[in-house]
């Protein structure tokens, strides 16, 4: 564990992987520290934002390694199913790059069991781990200026879903009509770190 002060109101805690980040986040939530404003997990980190007038960040940094030694039962992950139409404009290119038939790319992508590692890039954008290793392809060399909302895409070891229309360089496999982010709802993001996700093929 590596802990760095992030300005005067936050700590950046670097950990082994997203599972360790989630465990630390859940532990801090359970302990309900007064003054902690937000806990933002990354792939191998947790950003702890706090009120510096309420929280002694140096003392918290000192205690964090001790907290990680405690055993804690994490809440059961939520199960989410998302319907996908596999009509993405990169589908055939991914098939050529992997040496698989288009239908086999679809089958393998939909058959995997995914976990939300963290949210990032855009509000509600989930980075999903669990992608079949045969489907790992690099990002586009030149990102698109606009990727439609709901696009289901892959890049490297991740699958993601674009909640809004934004620029992006991931390979598009299909799209979903599921709303990933709605600021009028609480919480606004459909998915959260630790959620389990399955894709269901829609004809």
N, C-alpha and C. Protein backbone atom coordinates (compact mmCIF):
# COMPACT_ATOMS: atom_id res chain seq x y z
N UNK A 1 0.84 -1.19 0.00
CA UNK A 1 0.00 0.00 0.00
C UNK A 1 0.88 1.25 0.00
N UNK A 2 0.57 2.17 -0.89
CA UNK A 2 1.28 3.43 -0.96
C UNK A 2 0.27 4.56 -0.78
N UNK A 3 0.52 5.46 0.16
CA UNK A 3 -0.43 6.52 0.49
C UNK A 3 0.22 7.87 0.20
N UNK A 4 -0.48 8.70 -0.58
CA UNK A 4 0.04 10.03 -0.90
C UNK A 4 -1.02 11.08 -0.56
N UNK A 5 -0.57 12.21 -0.09
CA UNK A 5 -1.48 13.33 0.12
C UNK A 5 -1.82 13.93 -1.24
N UNK A 6 -3.11 14.16 -1.47
CA UNK A 6 -3.61 14.67 -2.75
C UNK A 6 -4.22 16.04 -2.47
N UNK A 7 -3.36 17.07 -2.50
CA UNK A 7 -3.82 18.38 -2.07
C UNK A 7 -3.97 18.41 -0.57
N UNK A 8 -4.79 19.34 -0.07
CA UNK A 8 -4.96 19.47 1.37
C UNK A 8 -6.24 18.84 1.89
N UNK A 9 -6.95 18.12 1.01
CA UNK A 9 -8.23 17.55 1.46
C UNK A 9 -8.45 16.12 0.96
N UNK A 10 -7.39 15.42 0.57
CA UNK A 10 -7.58 14.06 0.05
C UNK A 10 -6.31 13.23 0.20
N UNK A 11 -6.55 11.92 0.24
CA UNK A 11 -5.46 10.94 0.21
C UNK A 11 -5.67 10.05 -1.00
N UNK A 12 -4.59 9.74 -1.70
CA UNK A 12 -4.64 8.76 -2.78
C UNK A 12 -3.94 7.51 -2.28
N UNK A 13 -4.73 6.43 -2.16
CA UNK A 13 -4.20 5.18 -1.64
C UNK A 13 -4.03 4.20 -2.81
N UNK A 14 -2.79 3.83 -3.09
CA UNK A 14 -2.51 2.89 -4.17
C UNK A 14 -2.43 1.49 -3.59
N UNK A 15 -3.21 0.58 -4.17
CA UNK A 15 -3.32 -0.79 -3.65
C UNK A 15 -3.03 -1.79 -4.77
N UNK A 16 -3.21 -3.07 -4.45
CA UNK A 16 -2.80 -4.12 -5.37
C UNK A 16 -3.66 -4.18 -6.62
N UNK A 17 -4.99 -4.09 -6.46
CA UNK A 17 -5.88 -4.20 -7.60
C UNK A 17 -7.24 -3.61 -7.23
N UNK A 18 -8.19 -3.71 -8.17
CA UNK A 18 -9.51 -3.10 -7.94
C UNK A 18 -10.25 -3.79 -6.81
N UNK A 19 -9.97 -5.07 -6.57
CA UNK A 19 -10.64 -5.76 -5.46
C UNK A 19 -10.19 -5.18 -4.12
N UNK A 20 -8.90 -4.92 -4.00
CA UNK A 20 -8.40 -4.31 -2.76
C UNK A 20 -8.95 -2.89 -2.59
N UNK A 21 -9.08 -2.16 -3.70
CA UNK A 21 -9.65 -0.81 -3.63
C UNK A 21 -11.09 -0.87 -3.16
N UNK A 22 -11.85 -1.83 -3.69
CA UNK A 22 -13.25 -1.95 -3.29
C UNK A 22 -13.35 -2.36 -1.82
N UNK A 23 -12.49 -3.27 -1.38
CA UNK A 23 -12.55 -3.72 0.01
C UNK A 23 -12.26 -2.58 0.97
N UNK A 24 -11.25 -1.77 0.64
CA UNK A 24 -10.93 -0.63 1.49
C UNK A 24 -12.08 0.38 1.50
N UNK A 25 -12.69 0.59 0.35
CA UNK A 25 -13.83 1.51 0.28
C UNK A 25 -14.98 1.03 1.15
N UNK A 26 -15.32 -0.27 1.04
CA UNK A 26 -16.42 -0.82 1.83
C UNK A 26 -16.12 -0.75 3.33
N UNK A 27 -14.86 -0.95 3.68
CA UNK A 27 -14.49 -0.90 5.09
C UNK A 27 -14.65 0.52 5.64
N UNK A 28 -14.21 1.51 4.86
CA UNK A 28 -14.35 2.89 5.31
C UNK A 28 -15.81 3.31 5.38
N UNK A 29 -16.62 2.82 4.44
CA UNK A 29 -18.05 3.11 4.50
C UNK A 29 -18.68 2.51 5.75
N UNK A 30 -18.28 1.27 6.08
CA UNK A 30 -18.85 0.60 7.25
C UNK A 30 -18.43 1.30 8.55
N UNK A 31 -17.22 1.83 8.58
CA UNK A 31 -16.74 2.52 9.78
C UNK A 31 -17.34 3.92 9.93
N UNK A 32 -17.88 4.45 8.84
CA UNK A 32 -18.60 5.72 8.85
C UNK A 32 -17.79 6.85 9.50
N UNK A 33 -16.61 7.07 8.98
CA UNK A 33 -15.77 8.15 9.50
C UNK A 33 -16.46 9.50 9.26
N UNK A 34 -16.55 10.29 10.31
CA UNK A 34 -17.09 11.65 10.18
C UNK A 34 -16.13 12.50 9.36
N UNK A 35 -16.66 13.21 8.39
CA UNK A 35 -15.85 14.13 7.61
C UNK A 35 -15.37 13.61 6.27
N UNK A 36 -15.54 12.33 6.04
CA UNK A 36 -15.16 11.80 4.72
C UNK A 36 -16.28 12.14 3.74
N UNK A 37 -15.92 12.83 2.67
CA UNK A 37 -16.90 13.33 1.72
C UNK A 37 -17.18 12.34 0.60
N UNK A 38 -16.12 11.72 0.10
CA UNK A 38 -16.31 10.83 -1.04
C UNK A 38 -15.17 9.82 -1.10
N UNK A 39 -15.51 8.60 -1.56
CA UNK A 39 -14.54 7.53 -1.75
C UNK A 39 -14.61 7.11 -3.21
N UNK A 40 -13.54 7.36 -3.96
CA UNK A 40 -13.56 7.15 -5.41
C UNK A 40 -12.57 6.05 -5.76
N UNK A 41 -13.06 4.83 -6.06
CA UNK A 41 -12.14 3.75 -6.40
C UNK A 41 -11.65 3.85 -7.84
N UNK A 42 -10.41 3.45 -8.05
CA UNK A 42 -9.83 3.30 -9.38
C UNK A 42 -9.44 1.85 -9.59
N UNK A 43 -8.68 1.59 -10.63
CA UNK A 43 -8.31 0.20 -10.92
C UNK A 43 -7.37 -0.34 -9.84
N UNK A 44 -6.43 0.49 -9.38
CA UNK A 44 -5.51 0.08 -8.33
C UNK A 44 -5.36 1.18 -7.28
N UNK A 45 -6.43 1.90 -7.03
CA UNK A 45 -6.31 3.02 -6.09
C UNK A 45 -7.67 3.36 -5.50
N UNK A 46 -7.61 4.13 -4.40
CA UNK A 46 -8.81 4.69 -3.80
C UNK A 46 -8.50 6.13 -3.41
N UNK A 47 -9.29 7.06 -3.92
CA UNK A 47 -9.16 8.47 -3.55
C UNK A 47 -10.12 8.76 -2.40
N UNK A 48 -9.57 9.21 -1.30
CA UNK A 48 -10.37 9.53 -0.11
C UNK A 48 -10.44 11.05 0.00
N UNK A 49 -11.61 11.61 -0.25
CA UNK A 49 -11.80 13.05 -0.14
C UNK A 49 -12.46 13.35 1.21
N UNK A 50 -11.89 14.30 1.94
CA UNK A 50 -12.37 14.56 3.29
C UNK A 50 -12.35 16.05 3.61
N UNK A 51 -13.08 16.41 4.65
CA UNK A 51 -13.06 17.77 5.16
C UNK A 51 -11.82 17.92 6.05
N UNK A 52 -10.84 18.71 5.62
CA UNK A 52 -9.59 18.80 6.41
C UNK A 52 -9.79 19.45 7.78
N UNK A 53 -10.92 20.12 7.98
CA UNK A 53 -11.20 20.71 9.29
C UNK A 53 -11.76 19.69 10.27
N UNK A 54 -12.23 18.56 9.71
CA UNK A 54 -12.83 17.51 10.55
C UNK A 54 -11.93 16.29 10.65
N UNK A 55 -11.26 15.96 9.55
CA UNK A 55 -10.46 14.74 9.49
C UNK A 55 -8.98 15.09 9.54
N UNK A 56 -8.27 14.42 10.44
CA UNK A 56 -6.81 14.54 10.49
C UNK A 56 -6.26 13.57 9.46
N UNK A 57 -5.91 14.08 8.28
CA UNK A 57 -5.48 13.20 7.18
C UNK A 57 -4.21 12.44 7.51
N UNK A 58 -3.30 13.05 8.24
CA UNK A 58 -2.07 12.36 8.62
C UNK A 58 -2.38 11.17 9.53
N UNK A 59 -3.30 11.35 10.46
CA UNK A 59 -3.69 10.26 11.35
C UNK A 59 -4.41 9.17 10.57
N UNK A 60 -5.29 9.57 9.64
CA UNK A 60 -5.99 8.58 8.82
C UNK A 60 -4.99 7.80 7.98
N UNK A 61 -4.02 8.47 7.39
CA UNK A 61 -3.00 7.78 6.60
C UNK A 61 -2.23 6.78 7.46
N UNK A 62 -1.98 7.13 8.69
CA UNK A 62 -1.25 6.22 9.59
C UNK A 62 -2.08 4.98 9.92
N UNK A 63 -3.41 5.16 10.03
CA UNK A 63 -4.28 4.05 10.43
C UNK A 63 -4.65 3.11 9.29
N UNK A 64 -4.60 3.61 8.05
CA UNK A 64 -5.09 2.82 6.93
C UNK A 64 -4.42 1.45 6.80
N UNK A 65 -3.11 1.33 6.91
CA UNK A 65 -2.52 -0.02 6.80
C UNK A 65 -3.05 -0.99 7.85
N UNK A 66 -3.35 -0.50 9.05
CA UNK A 66 -3.91 -1.35 10.09
C UNK A 66 -5.32 -1.80 9.72
N UNK A 67 -6.09 -0.89 9.13
CA UNK A 67 -7.46 -1.24 8.76
C UNK A 67 -7.51 -2.36 7.73
N UNK A 68 -6.55 -2.36 6.82
CA UNK A 68 -6.56 -3.38 5.76
C UNK A 68 -6.23 -4.76 6.31
N UNK A 69 -5.68 -4.83 7.50
CA UNK A 69 -5.37 -6.14 8.10
C UNK A 69 -6.60 -6.78 8.74
N UNK A 70 -7.65 -5.99 8.91
CA UNK A 70 -8.87 -6.52 9.51
C UNK A 70 -9.67 -7.31 8.48
N UNK A 71 -10.25 -8.39 8.93
CA UNK A 71 -11.11 -9.17 8.04
C UNK A 71 -12.50 -8.55 8.04
N UNK A 72 -13.11 -8.54 6.85
CA UNK A 72 -14.44 -7.93 6.74
C UNK A 72 -15.22 -8.64 5.66
N UNK A 73 -16.46 -8.93 5.95
CA UNK A 73 -17.32 -9.57 4.98
C UNK A 73 -17.94 -8.49 4.10
N UNK A 74 -17.60 -8.52 2.81
CA UNK A 74 -18.14 -7.53 1.89
C UNK A 74 -19.58 -7.86 1.54
N UNK A 75 -20.39 -6.86 1.27
CA UNK A 75 -21.77 -7.14 0.86
C UNK A 75 -21.79 -7.92 -0.45
N UNK A 76 -22.80 -8.75 -0.61
CA UNK A 76 -22.92 -9.54 -1.84
C UNK A 76 -23.06 -8.60 -3.04
N UNK A 77 -22.35 -8.87 -4.12
CA UNK A 77 -22.42 -7.98 -5.28
C UNK A 77 -23.81 -8.01 -5.91
N UNK A 78 -24.22 -6.89 -6.44
CA UNK A 78 -25.47 -6.82 -7.19
C UNK A 78 -25.28 -7.50 -8.55
N UNK A 79 -26.33 -8.13 -9.01
CA UNK A 79 -26.31 -8.78 -10.32
C UNK A 79 -27.09 -7.91 -11.30
N UNK A 80 -26.45 -7.57 -12.41
CA UNK A 80 -27.07 -6.73 -13.42
C UNK A 80 -27.04 -7.44 -14.77
N UNK A 81 -28.14 -7.38 -15.49
CA UNK A 81 -28.20 -7.93 -16.85
C UNK A 81 -28.52 -6.81 -17.82
N UNK A 82 -27.73 -6.71 -18.88
CA UNK A 82 -27.88 -5.65 -19.85
C UNK A 82 -28.07 -6.25 -21.24
N UNK A 83 -29.15 -5.85 -21.88
CA UNK A 83 -29.48 -6.36 -23.22
C UNK A 83 -28.68 -5.58 -24.27
N UNK A 84 -28.07 -6.32 -25.18
CA UNK A 84 -27.21 -5.69 -26.19
C UNK A 84 -27.61 -6.14 -27.59
N UNK A 85 -27.67 -5.19 -28.49
CA UNK A 85 -27.78 -5.49 -29.92
C UNK A 85 -26.37 -5.41 -30.50
N UNK A 86 -25.87 -6.51 -31.01
CA UNK A 86 -24.50 -6.56 -31.52
C UNK A 86 -24.48 -6.13 -32.98
N UNK A 87 -24.37 -4.82 -33.15
CA UNK A 87 -24.36 -4.23 -34.49
C UNK A 87 -23.27 -3.17 -34.62
N UNK A 88 -22.24 -3.26 -33.78
CA UNK A 88 -21.21 -2.23 -33.74
C UNK A 88 -20.38 -2.17 -35.01
N UNK A 89 -19.90 -0.99 -35.34
CA UNK A 89 -19.18 -0.83 -36.60
C UNK A 89 -17.78 -1.44 -36.57
N UNK A 90 -17.29 -1.83 -35.38
CA UNK A 90 -15.98 -2.49 -35.31
C UNK A 90 -16.09 -4.00 -35.18
N UNK A 91 -17.29 -4.53 -35.23
CA UNK A 91 -17.49 -5.95 -35.00
C UNK A 91 -16.70 -6.80 -35.99
N UNK A 92 -16.78 -6.49 -37.28
CA UNK A 92 -16.07 -7.27 -38.28
C UNK A 92 -14.56 -7.09 -38.16
N UNK A 93 -14.12 -5.88 -37.82
CA UNK A 93 -12.68 -5.65 -37.65
C UNK A 93 -12.14 -6.44 -36.47
N UNK A 94 -12.91 -6.53 -35.39
CA UNK A 94 -12.49 -7.33 -34.24
C UNK A 94 -12.43 -8.81 -34.62
N UNK A 95 -13.40 -9.26 -35.41
CA UNK A 95 -13.38 -10.66 -35.86
C UNK A 95 -12.12 -10.94 -36.68
N UNK A 96 -11.77 -10.03 -37.56
CA UNK A 96 -10.56 -10.24 -38.38
C UNK A 96 -9.31 -10.23 -37.50
N UNK A 97 -9.25 -9.31 -36.55
CA UNK A 97 -8.07 -9.19 -35.70
C UNK A 97 -7.87 -10.40 -34.80
N UNK A 98 -8.97 -11.03 -34.40
CA UNK A 98 -8.89 -12.17 -33.49
C UNK A 98 -8.91 -13.52 -34.22
N UNK A 99 -9.21 -13.49 -35.52
CA UNK A 99 -9.31 -14.73 -36.27
C UNK A 99 -10.56 -15.52 -35.98
N UNK A 100 -11.57 -14.86 -35.45
CA UNK A 100 -12.83 -15.52 -35.10
C UNK A 100 -13.93 -15.07 -36.05
N UNK A 101 -14.95 -15.89 -36.17
CA UNK A 101 -16.14 -15.49 -36.91
C UNK A 101 -16.89 -14.44 -36.10
N UNK A 102 -17.64 -13.59 -36.79
CA UNK A 102 -18.39 -12.53 -36.11
C UNK A 102 -19.30 -13.12 -35.04
N UNK A 103 -20.01 -14.18 -35.35
CA UNK A 103 -20.92 -14.78 -34.37
C UNK A 103 -20.18 -15.34 -33.17
N UNK A 104 -18.93 -15.77 -33.39
CA UNK A 104 -18.14 -16.29 -32.26
C UNK A 104 -17.67 -15.14 -31.37
N UNK A 105 -17.36 -14.00 -31.96
CA UNK A 105 -17.02 -12.81 -31.17
C UNK A 105 -18.20 -12.44 -30.28
N UNK A 106 -19.39 -12.43 -30.87
CA UNK A 106 -20.60 -12.09 -30.11
C UNK A 106 -20.82 -13.11 -28.99
N UNK A 107 -20.68 -14.39 -29.33
CA UNK A 107 -20.94 -15.44 -28.33
C UNK A 107 -19.98 -15.31 -27.15
N UNK A 108 -18.71 -15.12 -27.45
CA UNK A 108 -17.72 -15.04 -26.37
C UNK A 108 -17.90 -13.77 -25.53
N UNK A 109 -18.23 -12.68 -26.17
CA UNK A 109 -18.43 -11.44 -25.41
C UNK A 109 -19.64 -11.56 -24.49
N UNK A 110 -20.71 -12.14 -24.98
CA UNK A 110 -21.93 -12.25 -24.18
C UNK A 110 -21.85 -13.37 -23.14
N UNK A 111 -20.96 -14.32 -23.33
CA UNK A 111 -20.88 -15.47 -22.41
C UNK A 111 -20.09 -15.15 -21.15
N UNK A 112 -19.29 -14.09 -21.19
CA UNK A 112 -18.40 -13.79 -20.07
C UNK A 112 -19.17 -13.26 -18.86
N UNK A 113 -18.59 -13.46 -17.69
CA UNK A 113 -19.10 -12.90 -16.44
C UNK A 113 -18.22 -11.71 -16.08
N UNK A 114 -18.80 -10.54 -16.03
CA UNK A 114 -18.03 -9.32 -15.83
C UNK A 114 -18.22 -8.76 -14.42
N UNK A 115 -17.22 -8.02 -13.97
CA UNK A 115 -17.29 -7.29 -12.72
C UNK A 115 -16.93 -5.84 -12.99
N UNK A 116 -17.68 -4.91 -12.40
CA UNK A 116 -17.36 -3.50 -12.53
C UNK A 116 -16.14 -3.21 -11.66
N UNK A 117 -15.01 -2.92 -12.29
CA UNK A 117 -13.79 -2.62 -11.53
C UNK A 117 -13.86 -1.21 -10.95
N UNK A 118 -14.28 -0.25 -11.77
CA UNK A 118 -14.40 1.13 -11.33
C UNK A 118 -15.17 1.91 -12.39
N UNK A 119 -15.56 3.12 -12.06
CA UNK A 119 -16.21 4.02 -12.99
C UNK A 119 -15.25 5.15 -13.32
N UNK A 120 -15.29 5.61 -14.57
CA UNK A 120 -14.39 6.69 -14.93
C UNK A 120 -14.61 7.17 -16.34
N UNK A 121 -13.71 8.03 -16.81
CA UNK A 121 -13.71 8.60 -18.16
C UNK A 121 -14.87 9.57 -18.35
N UNK A 122 -16.10 9.10 -18.16
CA UNK A 122 -17.30 9.93 -18.23
C UNK A 122 -18.22 9.48 -17.11
N UNK A 123 -19.13 10.33 -16.63
CA UNK A 123 -20.03 9.94 -15.54
C UNK A 123 -20.79 8.65 -15.86
N UNK A 124 -20.63 7.65 -14.98
CA UNK A 124 -21.34 6.40 -15.15
C UNK A 124 -20.68 5.40 -16.07
N UNK A 125 -19.51 5.72 -16.65
CA UNK A 125 -18.84 4.81 -17.57
C UNK A 125 -18.19 3.67 -16.79
N UNK A 126 -18.65 2.40 -17.00
CA UNK A 126 -18.10 1.29 -16.23
C UNK A 126 -16.93 0.62 -16.94
N UNK A 127 -15.87 0.39 -16.21
CA UNK A 127 -14.77 -0.44 -16.70
C UNK A 127 -15.02 -1.85 -16.19
N UNK A 128 -15.35 -2.74 -17.10
CA UNK A 128 -15.72 -4.12 -16.75
C UNK A 128 -14.55 -5.06 -17.02
N UNK A 129 -14.18 -5.85 -16.02
CA UNK A 129 -13.16 -6.87 -16.20
C UNK A 129 -13.84 -8.23 -16.33
N UNK A 130 -13.14 -9.15 -16.99
CA UNK A 130 -13.69 -10.48 -17.22
C UNK A 130 -13.79 -10.82 -18.69
N UNK A 131 -13.28 -9.91 -19.55
CA UNK A 131 -13.35 -10.12 -20.99
C UNK A 131 -12.55 -11.36 -21.39
N UNK A 132 -13.12 -12.17 -22.27
CA UNK A 132 -12.43 -13.32 -22.83
C UNK A 132 -11.08 -12.85 -23.40
N UNK A 133 -10.01 -13.55 -23.05
CA UNK A 133 -8.67 -13.10 -23.47
C UNK A 133 -8.51 -13.09 -24.98
N UNK A 134 -9.27 -13.90 -25.70
CA UNK A 134 -9.15 -13.92 -27.16
C UNK A 134 -9.73 -12.67 -27.80
N UNK A 135 -10.49 -11.89 -27.03
CA UNK A 135 -11.12 -10.67 -27.57
C UNK A 135 -10.35 -9.41 -27.22
N UNK A 136 -9.20 -9.54 -26.64
CA UNK A 136 -8.43 -8.35 -26.24
C UNK A 136 -7.75 -7.73 -27.46
N UNK A 137 -8.21 -6.58 -27.83
CA UNK A 137 -7.66 -5.85 -28.96
C UNK A 137 -7.35 -4.43 -28.51
N UNK A 138 -6.40 -3.76 -29.15
CA UNK A 138 -6.04 -2.40 -28.72
C UNK A 138 -7.09 -1.38 -29.11
N UNK A 139 -7.01 -0.22 -28.47
CA UNK A 139 -7.85 0.91 -28.84
C UNK A 139 -7.57 1.31 -30.29
N UNK A 140 -8.49 2.07 -30.85
CA UNK A 140 -8.27 2.64 -32.17
C UNK A 140 -7.07 3.60 -32.13
N UNK A 141 -6.28 3.63 -33.19
CA UNK A 141 -5.15 4.56 -33.24
C UNK A 141 -5.63 6.00 -33.24
N UNK A 142 -6.75 6.24 -33.91
CA UNK A 142 -7.35 7.57 -33.94
C UNK A 142 -8.75 7.49 -33.35
N UNK A 143 -8.99 8.09 -32.18
CA UNK A 143 -10.33 8.01 -31.57
C UNK A 143 -11.39 8.67 -32.44
N UNK A 144 -12.62 8.18 -32.31
CA UNK A 144 -13.74 8.83 -32.98
C UNK A 144 -14.08 10.12 -32.25
N UNK A 145 -14.55 11.08 -33.00
CA UNK A 145 -14.96 12.34 -32.37
C UNK A 145 -16.29 12.20 -31.65
N UNK A 146 -17.09 11.18 -32.01
CA UNK A 146 -18.37 10.98 -31.34
C UNK A 146 -18.73 9.50 -31.34
N UNK A 147 -18.91 8.96 -30.15
CA UNK A 147 -19.41 7.60 -29.97
C UNK A 147 -20.82 7.71 -29.38
N UNK A 148 -21.82 7.07 -30.00
CA UNK A 148 -23.20 7.22 -29.51
C UNK A 148 -23.38 6.69 -28.09
N UNK A 149 -24.29 7.29 -27.36
CA UNK A 149 -24.65 6.81 -26.03
C UNK A 149 -25.17 5.38 -26.13
N UNK A 150 -24.80 4.57 -25.15
CA UNK A 150 -25.23 3.17 -25.13
C UNK A 150 -24.31 2.23 -25.87
N UNK A 151 -23.25 2.75 -26.49
CA UNK A 151 -22.34 1.88 -27.23
C UNK A 151 -21.61 0.94 -26.28
N UNK A 152 -21.57 -0.34 -26.66
CA UNK A 152 -20.85 -1.36 -25.90
C UNK A 152 -19.55 -1.62 -26.64
N UNK A 153 -18.43 -1.51 -25.93
CA UNK A 153 -17.14 -1.51 -26.61
C UNK A 153 -16.10 -2.27 -25.81
N UNK A 154 -14.98 -2.55 -26.48
CA UNK A 154 -13.87 -3.24 -25.83
C UNK A 154 -12.57 -2.51 -26.15
N UNK A 155 -11.60 -2.64 -25.22
CA UNK A 155 -10.26 -2.10 -25.43
C UNK A 155 -9.34 -2.78 -24.42
N UNK A 156 -8.31 -3.45 -24.91
CA UNK A 156 -7.42 -4.15 -24.00
C UNK A 156 -8.16 -5.20 -23.21
N UNK A 157 -8.04 -5.16 -21.89
CA UNK A 157 -8.68 -6.16 -21.04
C UNK A 157 -10.08 -5.78 -20.61
N UNK A 158 -10.55 -4.61 -21.04
CA UNK A 158 -11.82 -4.09 -20.54
C UNK A 158 -12.94 -4.14 -21.57
N UNK A 159 -14.17 -4.25 -21.04
CA UNK A 159 -15.38 -3.91 -21.77
C UNK A 159 -15.98 -2.68 -21.10
N UNK A 160 -16.56 -1.79 -21.90
CA UNK A 160 -17.19 -0.60 -21.33
C UNK A 160 -18.46 -0.26 -22.06
N UNK A 161 -19.25 0.62 -21.46
CA UNK A 161 -20.49 1.09 -22.06
C UNK A 161 -20.49 2.62 -21.96
N UNK A 162 -20.66 3.28 -23.09
CA UNK A 162 -20.66 4.74 -23.10
C UNK A 162 -22.02 5.25 -22.61
N UNK A 163 -22.08 5.93 -21.46
CA UNK A 163 -23.36 6.43 -20.96
C UNK A 163 -23.90 7.61 -21.75
N UNK A 164 -22.99 8.42 -22.28
CA UNK A 164 -23.38 9.59 -23.07
C UNK A 164 -22.61 9.56 -24.39
N UNK A 165 -23.06 10.36 -25.34
CA UNK A 165 -22.32 10.52 -26.58
C UNK A 165 -21.07 11.34 -26.30
N UNK A 166 -19.90 10.74 -26.52
CA UNK A 166 -18.62 11.40 -26.25
C UNK A 166 -17.61 10.93 -27.29
N UNK A 167 -16.48 11.60 -27.39
CA UNK A 167 -15.38 11.04 -28.17
C UNK A 167 -14.92 9.74 -27.51
N UNK A 168 -14.30 8.87 -28.29
CA UNK A 168 -13.82 7.62 -27.72
C UNK A 168 -13.07 6.77 -28.71
N UNK A 169 -12.16 5.97 -28.20
CA UNK A 169 -11.32 5.15 -29.07
C UNK A 169 -11.46 3.66 -28.88
N UNK A 170 -12.51 3.24 -28.17
CA UNK A 170 -12.70 1.80 -27.97
C UNK A 170 -13.38 1.18 -29.19
N UNK A 171 -13.24 -0.14 -29.33
CA UNK A 171 -13.82 -0.86 -30.46
C UNK A 171 -15.30 -1.17 -30.18
N UNK A 172 -16.17 -0.71 -31.07
CA UNK A 172 -17.61 -0.82 -30.84
C UNK A 172 -18.14 -2.16 -31.32
N UNK A 173 -18.75 -2.90 -30.38
CA UNK A 173 -19.34 -4.20 -30.71
C UNK A 173 -20.85 -4.13 -30.88
N UNK A 174 -21.49 -3.20 -30.19
CA UNK A 174 -22.95 -3.13 -30.24
C UNK A 174 -23.45 -1.96 -29.44
N UNK A 175 -24.75 -2.01 -29.11
CA UNK A 175 -25.31 -0.93 -28.29
C UNK A 175 -26.44 -1.47 -27.42
N UNK A 176 -26.73 -0.72 -26.38
CA UNK A 176 -27.83 -1.06 -25.48
C UNK A 176 -28.73 0.16 -25.30
N UNK A 177 -30.00 -0.10 -25.04
CA UNK A 177 -30.94 0.98 -24.74
C UNK A 177 -31.01 1.27 -23.24
N UNK A 178 -30.29 0.48 -22.45
CA UNK A 178 -30.26 0.68 -21.00
C UNK A 178 -29.62 2.03 -20.66
N UNK A 179 -30.24 2.77 -19.78
CA UNK A 179 -29.71 4.06 -19.34
C UNK A 179 -28.66 3.82 -18.25
N UNK A 180 -27.43 4.24 -18.52
CA UNK A 180 -26.33 4.03 -17.58
C UNK A 180 -26.17 5.16 -16.58
N UNK A 181 -26.64 6.36 -16.95
CA UNK A 181 -26.45 7.51 -16.06
C UNK A 181 -27.60 8.48 -16.21
N UNK A 182 -28.24 8.77 -15.05
CA UNK A 182 -29.35 9.71 -15.02
C UNK A 182 -29.17 10.62 -13.81
N UNK A 183 -28.76 11.87 -14.01
CA UNK A 183 -28.50 12.76 -12.87
C UNK A 183 -29.72 13.04 -12.00
N UNK A 184 -30.92 12.72 -12.51
CA UNK A 184 -32.13 12.96 -11.72
C UNK A 184 -32.40 11.82 -10.75
N UNK A 185 -31.66 10.72 -10.87
CA UNK A 185 -31.85 9.59 -9.98
C UNK A 185 -30.80 9.58 -8.89
N UNK A 186 -31.06 8.82 -7.83
CA UNK A 186 -30.10 8.66 -6.75
C UNK A 186 -29.92 7.16 -6.46
N UNK A 187 -28.75 6.61 -6.69
CA UNK A 187 -27.58 7.27 -7.28
C UNK A 187 -27.76 7.45 -8.79
N UNK A 188 -27.05 8.39 -9.39
CA UNK A 188 -27.25 8.65 -10.82
C UNK A 188 -26.70 7.56 -11.74
N UNK A 189 -25.69 6.83 -11.30
CA UNK A 189 -25.09 5.77 -12.12
C UNK A 189 -25.79 4.45 -11.87
N UNK A 190 -26.13 3.74 -12.95
CA UNK A 190 -26.79 2.43 -12.82
C UNK A 190 -25.86 1.42 -12.16
N UNK A 191 -24.59 1.43 -12.56
CA UNK A 191 -23.63 0.44 -12.08
C UNK A 191 -22.71 1.04 -11.04
N UNK A 192 -22.18 0.17 -10.18
CA UNK A 192 -21.26 0.60 -9.13
C UNK A 192 -20.11 -0.40 -9.05
N UNK A 193 -18.96 0.01 -8.54
CA UNK A 193 -17.85 -0.93 -8.39
C UNK A 193 -18.27 -2.17 -7.62
N UNK A 194 -17.87 -3.32 -8.14
CA UNK A 194 -18.22 -4.59 -7.51
C UNK A 194 -19.43 -5.26 -8.10
N UNK A 195 -20.26 -4.53 -8.84
CA UNK A 195 -21.43 -5.14 -9.47
C UNK A 195 -20.99 -6.22 -10.45
N UNK A 196 -21.79 -7.28 -10.56
CA UNK A 196 -21.59 -8.31 -11.56
C UNK A 196 -22.52 -8.04 -12.74
N UNK A 197 -21.99 -8.18 -13.94
CA UNK A 197 -22.74 -7.83 -15.14
C UNK A 197 -22.70 -8.97 -16.15
N UNK A 198 -23.87 -9.28 -16.70
CA UNK A 198 -23.96 -10.19 -17.84
C UNK A 198 -24.65 -9.47 -18.99
N UNK A 199 -24.21 -9.77 -20.20
CA UNK A 199 -24.85 -9.22 -21.40
C UNK A 199 -25.77 -10.28 -21.99
N UNK A 200 -26.94 -9.84 -22.41
CA UNK A 200 -27.89 -10.74 -23.07
C UNK A 200 -28.08 -10.26 -24.50
N UNK A 201 -27.93 -11.19 -25.43
CA UNK A 201 -28.02 -10.85 -26.84
C UNK A 201 -29.46 -10.57 -27.22
N UNK A 202 -29.69 -9.39 -27.80
CA UNK A 202 -30.99 -9.04 -28.32
C UNK A 202 -30.94 -9.10 -29.84
N UNK A 203 -31.88 -9.79 -30.43
CA UNK A 203 -31.90 -9.95 -31.88
C UNK A 203 -32.21 -8.63 -32.56
